[in-house]
Amino acid sequence: MKGIPEIPKYPGLGHLQQVPNVDARFGSASHYHRVLVKCEDGNLRTLLLTDTDLARLQKRAENSPEETVDPSFWDRMR
């Protein structure tokens, strides 16, 4: 597609990507954020977040620092 940057199909577990909303409807966001997560049941799921969703989740984490996850040594090495 013209003007749309190439987005890797598989960004890797836990890597947040901003991707264009290719088939945007009127009033929809021009892009969204995509992340692949592994759930407690072992299944992999893709989450799609708008800017508003992402800001709300970040604010929730800021308000509850005791519930956030500290990155491990290996997380920081990636």
PDB file of N, CA and C in Angstrom:
ATOM      1  N   MET A   1       0.826  -1.186   0.000  1.00  0.00           N
ATOM      2  CA  MET A   1       0.000   0.000   0.000  1.00  0.00           C
ATOM      3  C   MET A   1       0.868   1.246   0.000  1.00  0.00           C
ATOM      4  N   LYS A   2       0.435   2.210  -0.711  1.00  0.00           N
ATOM      5  CA  LYS A   2       1.208   3.427  -0.861  1.00  0.00           C
ATOM      6  C   LYS A   2       1.154   4.280   0.405  1.00  0.00           C
ATOM      7  N   GLY A   3       2.315   4.719   0.874  1.00  0.00           N
ATOM      8  CA  GLY A   3       2.390   5.615   2.009  1.00  0.00           C
ATOM      9  C   GLY A   3       2.309   4.949   3.374  1.00  0.00           C
ATOM     10  N   ILE A   4       2.089   3.646   3.412  1.00  0.00           N
ATOM     11  CA  ILE A   4       2.004   2.939   4.687  1.00  0.00           C
ATOM     12  C   ILE A   4       3.318   2.204   4.913  1.00  0.00           C
ATOM     13  N   PRO A   5       3.987   2.477   6.040  1.00  0.00           N
ATOM     14  CA  PRO A   5       5.272   1.805   6.288  1.00  0.00           C
ATOM     15  C   PRO A   5       5.081   0.307   6.491  1.00  0.00           C
ATOM     16  N   GLU A   6       6.094  -0.448   6.145  1.00  0.00           N
ATOM     17  CA  GLU A   6       6.060  -1.894   6.340  1.00  0.00           C
ATOM     18  C   GLU A   6       6.098  -2.198   7.833  1.00  0.00           C
ATOM     19  N   ILE A   7       5.130  -2.943   8.305  1.00  0.00           N
ATOM     20  CA  ILE A   7       5.039  -3.319   9.714  1.00  0.00           C
ATOM     21  C   ILE A   7       5.326  -4.810   9.823  1.00  0.00           C
ATOM     22  N   PRO A   8       6.296  -5.205  10.639  1.00  0.00           N
ATOM     23  CA  PRO A   8       6.549  -6.637  10.803  1.00  0.00           C
ATOM     24  C   PRO A   8       5.289  -7.343  11.296  1.00  0.00           C
ATOM     25  N   LYS A   9       4.967  -8.464  10.690  1.00  0.00           N
ATOM     26  CA  LYS A   9       3.764  -9.195  11.067  1.00  0.00           C
ATOM     27  C   LYS A   9       3.883  -9.761  12.476  1.00  0.00           C
ATOM     28  N   TYR A  10       5.065 -10.182  12.862  1.00  0.00           N
ATOM     29  CA  TYR A  10       5.268 -10.777  14.174  1.00  0.00           C
ATOM     30  C   TYR A  10       6.309  -9.968  14.943  1.00  0.00           C
ATOM     31  N   PRO A  11       5.868  -8.951  15.692  1.00  0.00           N
ATOM     32  CA  PRO A  11       6.813  -8.074  16.369  1.00  0.00           C
ATOM     33  C   PRO A  11       7.490  -8.725  17.570  1.00  0.00           C
ATOM     34  N   GLY A  12       6.977  -9.816  18.053  1.00  0.00           N
ATOM     35  CA  GLY A  12       7.555 -10.470  19.219  1.00  0.00           C
ATOM     36  C   GLY A  12       6.711 -10.251  20.459  1.00  0.00           C
ATOM     37  N   LEU A  13       6.761 -11.191  21.315  1.00  0.00           N
ATOM     38  CA  LEU A  13       5.984 -11.176  22.544  1.00  0.00           C
ATOM     39  C   LEU A  13       6.291  -9.935  23.374  1.00  0.00           C
ATOM     40  N   GLY A  14       5.260  -9.181  23.710  1.00  0.00           N
ATOM     41  CA  GLY A  14       5.410  -8.030  24.588  1.00  0.00           C
ATOM     42  C   GLY A  14       5.927  -6.759  23.950  1.00  0.00           C
ATOM     43  N   HIS A  15       6.104  -6.713  22.655  1.00  0.00           N
ATOM     44  CA  HIS A  15       6.600  -5.508  21.989  1.00  0.00           C
ATOM     45  C   HIS A  15       5.425  -4.716  21.439  1.00  0.00           C
ATOM     46  N   LEU A  16       5.237  -3.509  21.946  1.00  0.00           N
ATOM     47  CA  LEU A  16       4.144  -2.644  21.518  1.00  0.00           C
ATOM     48  C   LEU A  16       4.514  -1.995  20.192  1.00  0.00           C
ATOM     49  N   GLN A  17       3.605  -2.063  19.233  1.00  0.00           N
ATOM     50  CA  GLN A  17       3.820  -1.482  17.908  1.00  0.00           C
ATOM     51  C   GLN A  17       2.696  -0.529  17.573  1.00  0.00           C
ATOM     52  N   GLN A  18       3.018   0.595  16.982  1.00  0.00           N
ATOM     53  CA  GLN A  18       1.987   1.467  16.433  1.00  0.00           C
ATOM     54  C   GLN A  18       1.788   1.073  14.978  1.00  0.00           C
ATOM     55  N   VAL A  19       0.548   0.766  14.614  1.00  0.00           N
ATOM     56  CA  VAL A  19       0.245   0.342  13.253  1.00  0.00           C
ATOM     57  C   VAL A  19      -0.895   1.184  12.693  1.00  0.00           C
ATOM     58  N   PRO A  20      -0.889   1.421  11.389  1.00  0.00           N
ATOM     59  CA  PRO A  20      -1.962   2.226  10.791  1.00  0.00           C
ATOM     60  C   PRO A  20      -3.279   1.457  10.777  1.00  0.00           C
ATOM     61  N   ASN A  21      -4.358   2.171  10.910  1.00  0.00           N
ATOM     62  CA  ASN A  21      -5.691   1.593  10.778  1.00  0.00           C
ATOM     63  C   ASN A  21      -6.023   1.631   9.293  1.00  0.00           C
ATOM     64  N   VAL A  22      -5.763   0.535   8.630  1.00  0.00           N
ATOM     65  CA  VAL A  22      -5.847   0.476   7.172  1.00  0.00           C
ATOM     66  C   VAL A  22      -7.273   0.670   6.671  1.00  0.00           C
ATOM     67  N   ASP A  23      -8.244   0.110   7.347  1.00  0.00           N
ATOM     68  CA  ASP A  23      -9.640   0.197   6.907  1.00  0.00           C
ATOM     69  C   ASP A  23     -10.432   1.064   7.887  1.00  0.00           C
ATOM     70  N   ALA A  24      -9.928   2.279   8.166  1.00  0.00           N
ATOM     71  CA  ALA A  24     -10.554   3.159   9.159  1.00  0.00           C
ATOM     72  C   ALA A  24     -11.924   3.639   8.686  1.00  0.00           C
ATOM     73  N   ARG A  25     -12.869   3.584   9.597  1.00  0.00           N
ATOM     74  CA  ARG A  25     -14.200   4.127   9.324  1.00  0.00           C
ATOM     75  C   ARG A  25     -14.235   5.571   9.795  1.00  0.00           C
ATOM     76  N   PHE A  26     -15.268   6.292   9.411  1.00  0.00           N
ATOM     77  CA  PHE A  26     -15.411   7.691   9.804  1.00  0.00           C
ATOM     78  C   PHE A  26     -15.382   7.791  11.325  1.00  0.00           C
ATOM     79  N   GLY A  27     -14.538   8.673  11.849  1.00  0.00           N
ATOM     80  CA  GLY A  27     -14.431   8.868  13.284  1.00  0.00           C
ATOM     81  C   GLY A  27     -13.479   7.918  13.980  1.00  0.00           C
ATOM     82  N   SER A  28     -12.921   6.964  13.237  1.00  0.00           N
ATOM     83  CA  SER A  28     -11.978   6.014  13.823  1.00  0.00           C
ATOM     84  C   SER A  28     -10.587   6.614  13.909  1.00  0.00           C
ATOM     85  N   ALA A  29      -9.773   6.042  14.778  1.00  0.00           N
ATOM     86  CA  ALA A  29      -8.385   6.474  14.898  1.00  0.00           C
ATOM     87  C   ALA A  29      -7.617   6.112  13.633  1.00  0.00           C
ATOM     88  N   SER A  30      -6.626   6.911  13.298  1.00  0.00           N
ATOM     89  CA  SER A  30      -5.817   6.648  12.105  1.00  0.00           C
ATOM     90  C   SER A  30      -4.805   5.532  12.342  1.00  0.00           C
ATOM     91  N   HIS A  31      -4.565   5.224  13.636  1.00  0.00           N
ATOM     92  CA  HIS A  31      -3.624   4.162  13.998  1.00  0.00           C
ATOM     93  C   HIS A  31      -4.068   3.550  15.324  1.00  0.00           C
ATOM     94  N   TYR A  32      -3.445   2.456  15.652  1.00  0.00           N
ATOM     95  CA  TYR A  32      -3.668   1.830  16.951  1.00  0.00           C
ATOM     96  C   TYR A  32      -2.382   1.164  17.382  1.00  0.00           C
ATOM     97  N   HIS A  33      -2.373   0.647  18.593  1.00  0.00           N
ATOM     98  CA  HIS A  33      -1.192  -0.006  19.148  1.00  0.00           C
ATOM     99  C   HIS A  33      -1.490  -1.493  19.271  1.00  0.00           C
ATOM    100  N   ARG A  34      -0.549  -2.309  18.834  1.00  0.00           N
ATOM    101  CA  ARG A  34      -0.727  -3.764  18.811  1.00  0.00           C
ATOM    102  C   ARG A  34       0.349  -4.395  19.675  1.00  0.00           C
ATOM    103  N   VAL A  35      -0.057  -5.382  20.473  1.00  0.00           N
ATOM    104  CA  VAL A  35       0.901  -6.105  21.303  1.00  0.00           C
ATOM    105  C   VAL A  35       0.452  -7.563  21.411  1.00  0.00           C
ATOM    106  N   LEU A  36       1.420  -8.456  21.352  1.00  0.00           N
ATOM    107  CA  LEU A  36       1.172  -9.887  21.519  1.00  0.00           C
ATOM    108  C   LEU A  36       1.499 -10.244  22.959  1.00  0.00           C
ATOM    109  N   VAL A  37       0.535 -10.856  23.655  1.00  0.00           N
ATOM    110  CA  VAL A  37       0.736 -11.226  25.052  1.00  0.00           C
ATOM    111  C   VAL A  37       0.444 -12.711  25.245  1.00  0.00           C
ATOM    112  N   LYS A  38       1.096 -13.294  26.244  1.00  0.00           N
ATOM    113  CA  LYS A  38       0.818 -14.674  26.618  1.00  0.00           C
ATOM    114  C   LYS A  38      -0.022 -14.643  27.881  1.00  0.00           C
ATOM    115  N   CYS A  39      -1.202 -15.216  27.830  1.00  0.00           N
ATOM    116  CA  CYS A  39      -2.141 -15.192  28.941  1.00  0.00           C
ATOM    117  C   CYS A  39      -1.835 -16.304  29.935  1.00  0.00           C
ATOM    118  N   GLU A  40      -2.451 -16.202  31.107  1.00  0.00           N
ATOM    119  CA  GLU A  40      -2.225 -17.189  32.162  1.00  0.00           C
ATOM    120  C   GLU A  40      -2.589 -18.602  31.717  1.00  0.00           C
ATOM    121  N   ASP A  41      -3.537 -18.723  30.798  1.00  0.00           N
ATOM    122  CA  ASP A  41      -3.936 -20.047  30.310  1.00  0.00           C
ATOM    123  C   ASP A  41      -2.976 -20.591  29.255  1.00  0.00           C
ATOM    124  N   GLY A  42      -1.926 -19.816  28.939  1.00  0.00           N
ATOM    125  CA  GLY A  42      -0.917 -20.255  27.977  1.00  0.00           C
ATOM    126  C   GLY A  42      -1.195 -19.832  26.549  1.00  0.00           C
ATOM    127  N   ASN A  43      -2.377 -19.313  26.284  1.00  0.00           N
ATOM    128  CA  ASN A  43      -2.726 -18.879  24.935  1.00  0.00           C
ATOM    129  C   ASN A  43      -2.097 -17.528  24.618  1.00  0.00           C
ATOM    130  N   LEU A  44      -1.719 -17.355  23.367  1.00  0.00           N
ATOM    131  CA  LEU A  44      -1.210 -16.072  22.886  1.00  0.00           C
ATOM    132  C   LEU A  44      -2.375 -15.283  22.314  1.00  0.00           C
ATOM    133  N   ARG A  45      -2.415 -13.995  22.644  1.00  0.00           N
ATOM    134  CA  ARG A  45      -3.486 -13.136  22.148  1.00  0.00           C
ATOM    135  C   ARG A  45      -2.895 -11.807  21.693  1.00  0.00           C
ATOM    136  N   THR A  46      -3.481 -11.257  20.645  1.00  0.00           N
ATOM    137  CA  THR A  46      -3.113  -9.926  20.183  1.00  0.00           C
ATOM    138  C   THR A  46      -4.091  -8.926  20.764  1.00  0.00           C
ATOM    139  N   LEU A  47      -3.565  -7.885  21.388  1.00  0.00           N
ATOM    140  CA  LEU A  47      -4.394  -6.803  21.913  1.00  0.00           C
ATOM    141  C   LEU A  47      -4.219  -5.592  21.017  1.00  0.00           C
ATOM    142  N   LEU A  48      -5.323  -4.918  20.723  1.00  0.00           N
ATOM    143  CA  LEU A  48      -5.315  -3.703  19.914  1.00  0.00           C
ATOM    144  C   LEU A  48      -5.806  -2.566  20.797  1.00  0.00           C
ATOM    145  N   LEU A  49      -5.003  -1.524  20.927  1.00  0.00           N
ATOM    146  CA  LEU A  49      -5.310  -0.415  21.827  1.00  0.00           C
ATOM    147  C   LEU A  49      -5.287   0.906  21.068  1.00  0.00           C
ATOM    148  N   THR A  50      -6.246   1.756  21.364  1.00  0.00           N
ATOM    149  CA  THR A  50      -6.213   3.118  20.825  1.00  0.00           C
ATOM    150  C   THR A  50      -5.295   3.953  21.708  1.00  0.00           C
ATOM    151  N   ASP A  51      -5.007   5.173  21.294  1.00  0.00           N
ATOM    152  CA  ASP A  51      -4.217   6.077  22.129  1.00  0.00           C
ATOM    153  C   ASP A  51      -4.904   6.288  23.483  1.00  0.00           C
ATOM    154  N   THR A  52      -6.230   6.407  23.460  1.00  0.00           N
ATOM    155  CA  THR A  52      -6.994   6.605  24.697  1.00  0.00           C
ATOM    156  C   THR A  52      -6.874   5.386  25.609  1.00  0.00           C
ATOM    157  N   ASP A  53      -6.999   4.190  25.036  1.00  0.00           N
ATOM    158  CA  ASP A  53      -6.834   2.955  25.818  1.00  0.00           C
ATOM    159  C   ASP A  53      -5.461   2.910  26.471  1.00  0.00           C
ATOM    160  N   LEU A  54      -4.441   3.203  25.685  1.00  0.00           N
ATOM    161  CA  LEU A  54      -3.064   3.138  26.176  1.00  0.00           C
ATOM    162  C   LEU A  54      -2.832   4.152  27.300  1.00  0.00           C
ATOM    163  N   ALA A  55      -3.332   5.372  27.131  1.00  0.00           N
ATOM    164  CA  ALA A  55      -3.176   6.405  28.163  1.00  0.00           C
ATOM    165  C   ALA A  55      -3.900   5.991  29.445  1.00  0.00           C
ATOM    166  N   ARG A  56      -5.088   5.403  29.311  1.00  0.00           N
ATOM    167  CA  ARG A  56      -5.853   4.966  30.481  1.00  0.00           C
ATOM    168  C   ARG A  56      -5.118   3.861  31.227  1.00  0.00           C
ATOM    169  N   LEU A  57      -4.542   2.913  30.487  1.00  0.00           N
ATOM    170  CA  LEU A  57      -3.804   1.819  31.110  1.00  0.00           C
ATOM    171  C   LEU A  57      -2.517   2.313  31.781  1.00  0.00           C
ATOM    172  N   GLN A  58      -1.832   3.252  31.147  1.00  0.00           N
ATOM    173  CA  GLN A  58      -0.619   3.817  31.742  1.00  0.00           C
ATOM    174  C   GLN A  58      -0.946   4.568  33.026  1.00  0.00           C
ATOM    175  N   LYS A  59      -2.047   5.320  33.026  1.00  0.00           N
ATOM    176  CA  LYS A  59      -2.460   6.061  34.217  1.00  0.00           C
ATOM    177  C   LYS A  59      -2.825   5.084  35.337  1.00  0.00           C
ATOM    178  N   ARG A  60      -3.489   3.992  34.993  1.00  0.00           N
ATOM    179  CA  ARG A  60      -3.849   2.988  35.992  1.00  0.00           C
ATOM    180  C   ARG A  60      -2.598   2.394  36.638  1.00  0.00           C
ATOM    181  N   ALA A  61      -1.581   2.115  35.825  1.00  0.00           N
ATOM    182  CA  ALA A  61      -0.318   1.570  36.357  1.00  0.00           C
ATOM    183  C   ALA A  61       0.382   2.593  37.248  1.00  0.00           C
ATOM    184  N   GLU A  62       0.358   3.862  36.857  1.00  0.00           N
ATOM    185  CA  GLU A  62       0.970   4.916  37.678  1.00  0.00           C
ATOM    186  C   GLU A  62       0.280   5.030  39.036  1.00  0.00           C
ATOM    187  N   ASN A  63      -1.035   4.831  39.057  1.00  0.00           N
ATOM    188  CA  ASN A  63      -1.805   4.938  40.292  1.00  0.00           C
ATOM    189  C   ASN A  63      -1.690   3.700  41.175  1.00  0.00           C
ATOM    190  N   SER A  64      -1.175   2.597  40.627  1.00  0.00           N
ATOM    191  CA  SER A  64      -1.034   1.352  41.393  1.00  0.00           C
ATOM    192  C   SER A  64       0.356   0.759  41.198  1.00  0.00           C
ATOM    193  N   PRO A  65       1.404   1.475  41.592  1.00  0.00           N
ATOM    194  CA  PRO A  65       2.764   0.987  41.342  1.00  0.00           C
ATOM    195  C   PRO A  65       3.058  -0.347  42.021  1.00  0.00           C
ATOM    196  N   GLU A  66       2.345  -0.660  43.093  1.00  0.00           N
ATOM    197  CA  GLU A  66       2.565  -1.933  43.777  1.00  0.00           C
ATOM    198  C   GLU A  66       2.113  -3.132  42.948  1.00  0.00           C
ATOM    199  N   GLU A  67       1.353  -2.894  41.904  1.00  0.00           N
ATOM    200  CA  GLU A  67       0.859  -3.989  41.068  1.00  0.00           C
ATOM    201  C   GLU A  67       1.583  -4.091  39.731  1.00  0.00           C
ATOM    202  N   THR A  68       2.555  -3.227  39.491  1.00  0.00           N
ATOM    203  CA  THR A  68       3.289  -3.280  38.227  1.00  0.00           C
ATOM    204  C   THR A  68       4.403  -4.323  38.307  1.00  0.00           C
ATOM    205  N   VAL A  69       4.942  -4.676  37.172  1.00  0.00           N
ATOM    206  CA  VAL A  69       5.991  -5.688  37.077  1.00  0.00           C
ATOM    207  C   VAL A  69       7.315  -4.994  36.787  1.00  0.00           C
ATOM    208  N   ASP A  70       8.319  -5.300  37.580  1.00  0.00           N
ATOM    209  CA  ASP A  70       9.656  -4.779  37.312  1.00  0.00           C
ATOM    210  C   ASP A  70      10.318  -5.640  36.243  1.00  0.00           C
ATOM    211  N   PRO A  71      10.958  -5.014  35.261  1.00  0.00           N
ATOM    212  CA  PRO A  71      11.630  -5.811  34.228  1.00  0.00           C
ATOM    213  C   PRO A  71      12.804  -6.592  34.813  1.00  0.00           C
ATOM    214  N   SER A  72      12.960  -7.805  34.328  1.00  0.00           N
ATOM    215  CA  SER A  72      14.086  -8.628  34.761  1.00  0.00           C
ATOM    216  C   SER A  72      15.358  -8.175  34.045  1.00  0.00           C
ATOM    217  N   PHE A  73      16.470  -8.738  34.449  1.00  0.00           N
ATOM    218  CA  PHE A  73      17.741  -8.472  33.789  1.00  0.00           C
ATOM    219  C   PHE A  73      17.623  -8.772  32.299  1.00  0.00           C
ATOM    220  N   TRP A  74      17.023  -9.915  31.969  1.00  0.00           N
ATOM    221  CA  TRP A  74      16.905 -10.333  30.564  1.00  0.00           C
ATOM    222  C   TRP A  74      15.950  -9.437  29.787  1.00  0.00           C
ATOM    223  N   ASP A  75      14.896  -8.945  30.444  1.00  0.00           N
ATOM    224  CA  ASP A  75      13.987  -8.002  29.775  1.00  0.00           C
ATOM    225  C   ASP A  75      14.745  -6.742  29.358  1.00  0.00           C
ATOM    226  N   ARG A  76      15.610  -6.265  30.252  1.00  0.00           N
ATOM    227  CA  ARG A  76      16.368  -5.050  29.946  1.00  0.00           C
ATOM    228  C   ARG A  76      17.409  -5.279  28.863  1.00  0.00           C
ATOM    229  N   MET A  77      17.838  -6.522  28.650  1.00  0.00           N
ATOM    230  CA  MET A  77      18.867  -6.832  27.664  1.00  0.00           C
ATOM    231  C   MET A  77      18.298  -6.921  26.239  1.00  0.00           C
ATOM    232  N   ARG A  78      17.012  -7.016  26.081  1.00  0.00           N
ATOM    233  CA  ARG A  78      16.417  -7.153  24.753  1.00  0.00           C
ATOM    234  C   ARG A  78      16.503  -5.883  23.966  1.00  0.00           C
TER     235      ARG A  78
END
